[in-house]
Amino acid sequence: MLQGGCMANSFSRIISAIFGNPVSKLNADAVRSPWPSGLQYLFIEPSRKDVWEALDGWKWIGLDGLEPGAVSAFGDVFFRAPDGSVKLLDMVGGRLTQVSETWSALTDQLNDPDRRNELLLAGLATAARKKGLVLGAGECYDFEKPPVLGGEMSVAQINKTFFVVKVHIAGQIHRQVKDLPPGTKINKVTIGNR
């Protein structure tokens, strides 16, 4: 089970009981972020194995041919597409969208504070760190209640959780709600172990 209070909310504890403890050590197989050190805190470096395990919950969205290139501190995954473009799997919005024509163009975009905030939730990540939430290996930020289920996107609602668990469950939730009309009241979400 969990050791040393690594997870702060009961939802995450329940999920880790279902999926186990997916925290992995950084290794040469990590998805490494090619960003300047001033932006490095906005990214995490999970192993490729952990990234693909996490993405298992997103098979429905169509990830064929995409190669993970970077992972944000909130677990959003940037992919390199076969045509050279960059696609973003957004955990909050539940969408896979093209965000740049090339990887170098994305790097240029991240020099703009507004675009950095849009793509990486930079303001919230900075506020979370100031709140004392510094990510360890295998962790990413998450909201206590997912925004897609009515949760608030505020620093008060941010906590640390396991990357694999967060991304996998976000995929399951978004799959279940994707065809609902806007404003639909959600009474139940079913989470599976695969």
Protein backbone atom coordinates (compact mmCIF):
# COMPACT_ATOMS: atom_id res chain seq x y z
CA MET A 1 0.00 0.00 0.00
CA LEU A 2 1.12 3.62 0.37
CA GLN A 3 4.11 4.71 2.40
CA GLY A 4 4.79 7.98 4.16
CA GLY A 5 1.67 9.88 3.06
CA CYS A 6 2.77 10.30 -0.57
CA MET A 7 -0.76 11.04 -1.62
CA ALA A 8 -2.82 13.74 -0.05
CA ASN A 9 -6.37 12.96 -1.10
CA SER A 10 -8.58 9.95 -0.50
CA PHE A 11 -9.54 9.62 -4.19
CA SER A 12 -5.89 9.08 -5.07
CA ARG A 13 -5.52 6.54 -2.25
CA ILE A 14 -8.48 4.56 -3.56
CA ILE A 15 -7.11 4.67 -7.09
CA SER A 16 -3.66 3.53 -6.00
CA ALA A 17 -5.30 0.62 -4.16
CA ILE A 18 -6.90 -0.40 -7.47
CA PHE A 19 -3.89 0.16 -9.73
CA GLY A 20 -1.02 -0.32 -7.28
CA ASN A 21 1.91 2.05 -6.80
CA PRO A 22 3.13 3.01 -10.29
CA VAL A 23 5.93 5.31 -9.19
CA SER A 24 9.00 4.42 -11.20
CA LYS A 25 12.58 5.55 -10.94
CA LEU A 26 13.92 7.90 -13.57
CA ASN A 27 16.08 6.06 -16.05
CA ALA A 28 17.60 6.33 -19.49
CA ASP A 29 14.23 5.37 -20.97
CA ALA A 30 12.52 8.46 -19.55
CA VAL A 31 10.56 10.86 -21.72
CA ARG A 32 12.94 13.79 -21.25
CA SER A 33 11.85 17.34 -21.75
CA PRO A 34 14.12 19.42 -24.00
CA TRP A 35 13.37 22.70 -22.22
CA PRO A 36 15.64 25.31 -20.68
CA SER A 37 16.20 24.87 -16.95
CA GLY A 38 13.96 27.88 -16.25
CA LEU A 39 10.97 25.93 -17.58
CA GLN A 40 11.96 22.46 -16.40
CA TYR A 41 9.67 22.59 -13.35
CA LEU A 42 6.70 22.70 -15.76
CA PHE A 43 7.54 19.17 -16.96
CA ILE A 44 8.03 15.70 -15.52
CA GLU A 45 10.16 12.86 -16.88
CA PRO A 46 8.30 9.55 -16.56
CA SER A 47 9.70 6.42 -18.17
CA ARG A 48 8.38 5.51 -21.61
CA LYS A 49 6.87 2.39 -20.03
CA ASP A 50 4.94 4.54 -17.54
CA VAL A 51 3.78 6.91 -20.29
CA TRP A 52 2.40 4.07 -22.43
CA GLU A 53 0.83 2.42 -19.38
CA ALA A 54 -0.87 5.71 -18.50
CA LEU A 55 -2.05 6.20 -22.09
CA ASP A 56 -3.83 2.85 -22.04
CA GLY A 57 -6.89 4.74 -20.77
CA TRP A 58 -6.79 6.95 -23.88
CA LYS A 59 -6.75 4.31 -26.64
CA TRP A 60 -10.19 5.51 -27.74
CA ILE A 61 -8.85 8.94 -28.77
CA GLY A 62 -6.53 7.66 -31.53
CA LEU A 63 -2.86 7.75 -30.62
CA ASP A 64 -1.59 5.50 -33.43
CA GLY A 65 1.61 6.79 -35.03
CA LEU A 66 2.28 9.35 -32.29
CA GLU A 67 5.47 9.34 -30.20
CA PRO A 68 5.49 10.93 -26.72
CA GLY A 69 7.98 13.79 -26.63
CA ALA A 70 7.32 15.52 -23.31
CA VAL A 71 4.95 15.43 -20.34
CA SER A 72 3.76 18.51 -18.48
CA ALA A 73 3.65 18.81 -14.69
CA PHE A 74 -0.13 18.27 -14.97
CA GLY A 75 0.33 15.05 -16.96
CA ASP A 76 -0.54 16.47 -20.38
CA VAL A 77 1.39 14.59 -23.06
CA PHE A 78 3.04 16.29 -26.05
CA PHE A 79 3.42 13.96 -29.03
CA ARG A 80 5.55 14.09 -32.16
CA ALA A 81 3.36 13.21 -35.14
CA PRO A 82 4.71 11.49 -38.27
CA ASP A 83 4.31 14.76 -40.24
CA GLY A 84 6.56 16.61 -37.76
CA SER A 85 3.74 18.45 -36.03
CA VAL A 86 3.20 18.45 -32.27
CA LYS A 87 -0.04 17.26 -30.72
CA LEU A 88 -1.14 17.74 -27.13
CA LEU A 89 -3.27 15.31 -25.14
CA ASP A 90 -5.02 17.66 -22.71
CA MET A 91 -6.03 16.00 -19.42
CA VAL A 92 -8.46 18.78 -18.46
CA GLY A 93 -10.22 19.15 -21.80
CA GLY A 94 -9.99 15.51 -22.85
CA ARG A 95 -8.82 16.45 -26.34
CA LEU A 96 -5.95 15.59 -28.64
CA THR A 97 -5.11 18.69 -30.68
CA GLN A 98 -2.29 19.97 -32.83
CA VAL A 99 -0.52 22.78 -31.00
CA SER A 100 2.41 23.41 -33.33
CA GLU A 101 3.69 22.68 -36.83
CA THR A 102 7.10 21.59 -35.47
CA TRP A 103 8.86 20.87 -32.19
CA SER A 104 11.09 23.95 -32.54
CA ALA A 105 8.00 26.12 -33.16
CA LEU A 106 6.52 24.76 -29.91
CA THR A 107 9.72 25.67 -28.07
CA ASP A 108 9.41 29.21 -29.46
CA GLN A 109 5.76 29.37 -28.37
CA LEU A 110 6.72 28.50 -24.80
CA ASN A 111 8.76 31.70 -24.61
CA ASP A 112 5.43 33.55 -24.55
CA PRO A 113 4.03 33.59 -20.96
CA ASP A 114 0.40 33.50 -22.14
CA ARG A 115 0.98 30.51 -24.41
CA ARG A 116 3.01 28.79 -21.68
CA ASN A 117 0.09 29.26 -19.29
CA GLU A 118 -2.38 27.99 -21.89
CA LEU A 119 -0.39 24.85 -22.74
CA LEU A 120 1.23 24.06 -19.39
CA LEU A 121 -0.98 25.72 -16.75
CA ALA A 122 2.23 27.49 -15.76
CA GLY A 123 0.57 29.88 -13.31
CA LEU A 124 -1.06 27.03 -11.44
CA ALA A 125 2.15 24.96 -11.44
CA THR A 126 4.09 27.92 -10.03
CA ALA A 127 1.44 28.52 -7.37
CA ALA A 128 1.44 24.82 -6.44
CA ARG A 129 5.21 24.93 -5.90
CA LYS A 130 4.85 28.06 -3.74
CA LYS A 131 2.23 26.11 -1.75
CA GLY A 132 4.93 23.50 -1.07
CA LEU A 133 3.82 20.93 -3.63
CA VAL A 134 7.10 19.93 -5.24
CA LEU A 135 6.78 16.90 -7.48
CA GLY A 136 8.77 13.76 -6.84
CA ALA A 137 9.57 10.91 -9.24
CA GLY A 138 6.43 9.44 -10.77
CA GLU A 139 4.19 12.30 -9.64
CA CYS A 140 2.23 15.01 -11.39
CA TYR A 141 -0.28 17.64 -10.34
CA ASP A 142 -3.99 16.99 -10.37
CA PHE A 143 -7.16 18.66 -9.16
CA GLU A 144 -9.01 17.18 -6.16
CA LYS A 145 -12.12 16.86 -8.34
CA PRO A 146 -11.57 16.67 -12.11
CA PRO A 147 -12.74 19.87 -13.84
CA VAL A 148 -14.70 17.75 -16.35
CA LEU A 149 -16.78 16.58 -13.38
CA GLY A 150 -17.33 20.11 -12.08
CA GLY A 151 -14.10 20.57 -10.14
CA GLU A 152 -12.54 24.00 -9.80
CA MET A 153 -9.24 24.83 -11.52
CA SER A 154 -7.66 26.69 -8.62
CA VAL A 155 -4.47 26.31 -6.64
CA ALA A 156 -6.55 25.39 -3.58
CA GLN A 157 -7.72 22.28 -5.46
CA ILE A 158 -4.27 21.14 -6.66
CA ASN A 159 -2.54 18.16 -5.17
CA LYS A 160 0.15 15.67 -6.15
CA THR A 161 -0.74 12.21 -7.40
CA PHE A 162 0.77 9.36 -9.36
CA PHE A 163 1.23 10.21 -13.05
CA VAL A 164 0.19 6.79 -14.39
CA VAL A 165 -2.95 6.69 -12.27
CA LYS A 166 -4.02 10.26 -13.04
CA VAL A 167 -3.60 9.98 -16.81
CA HIS A 168 -5.18 6.53 -17.05
CA ILE A 169 -8.22 7.57 -15.02
CA ALA A 170 -8.57 10.89 -16.86
CA GLY A 171 -8.81 8.89 -20.09
CA GLN A 172 -11.51 6.67 -18.66
CA ILE A 173 -13.51 9.63 -17.37
CA HIS A 174 -13.26 11.59 -20.62
CA ARG A 175 -14.29 8.52 -22.63
CA GLN A 176 -17.42 8.18 -20.49
CA VAL A 177 -18.46 11.84 -20.71
CA LYS A 178 -17.34 12.76 -24.25
CA ASP A 179 -20.74 12.34 -25.89
CA LEU A 180 -22.81 13.99 -23.16
CA PRO A 181 -24.42 17.36 -23.89
CA PRO A 182 -22.77 20.37 -22.15
CA GLY A 183 -24.14 20.91 -18.66
CA THR A 184 -25.18 17.29 -18.12
CA LYS A 185 -25.21 16.43 -14.41
CA ILE A 186 -22.91 13.48 -13.79
CA ASN A 187 -23.96 11.24 -10.93
CA LYS A 188 -21.60 8.31 -11.42
CA VAL A 189 -18.26 7.52 -13.04
CA THR A 190 -17.00 3.94 -13.26
CA ILE A 191 -13.25 3.36 -13.01
CA GLY A 192 -11.79 0.03 -14.14
CA ASN A 193 -8.37 -1.48 -13.60
CA ARG A 194 -7.82 -1.72 -17.38
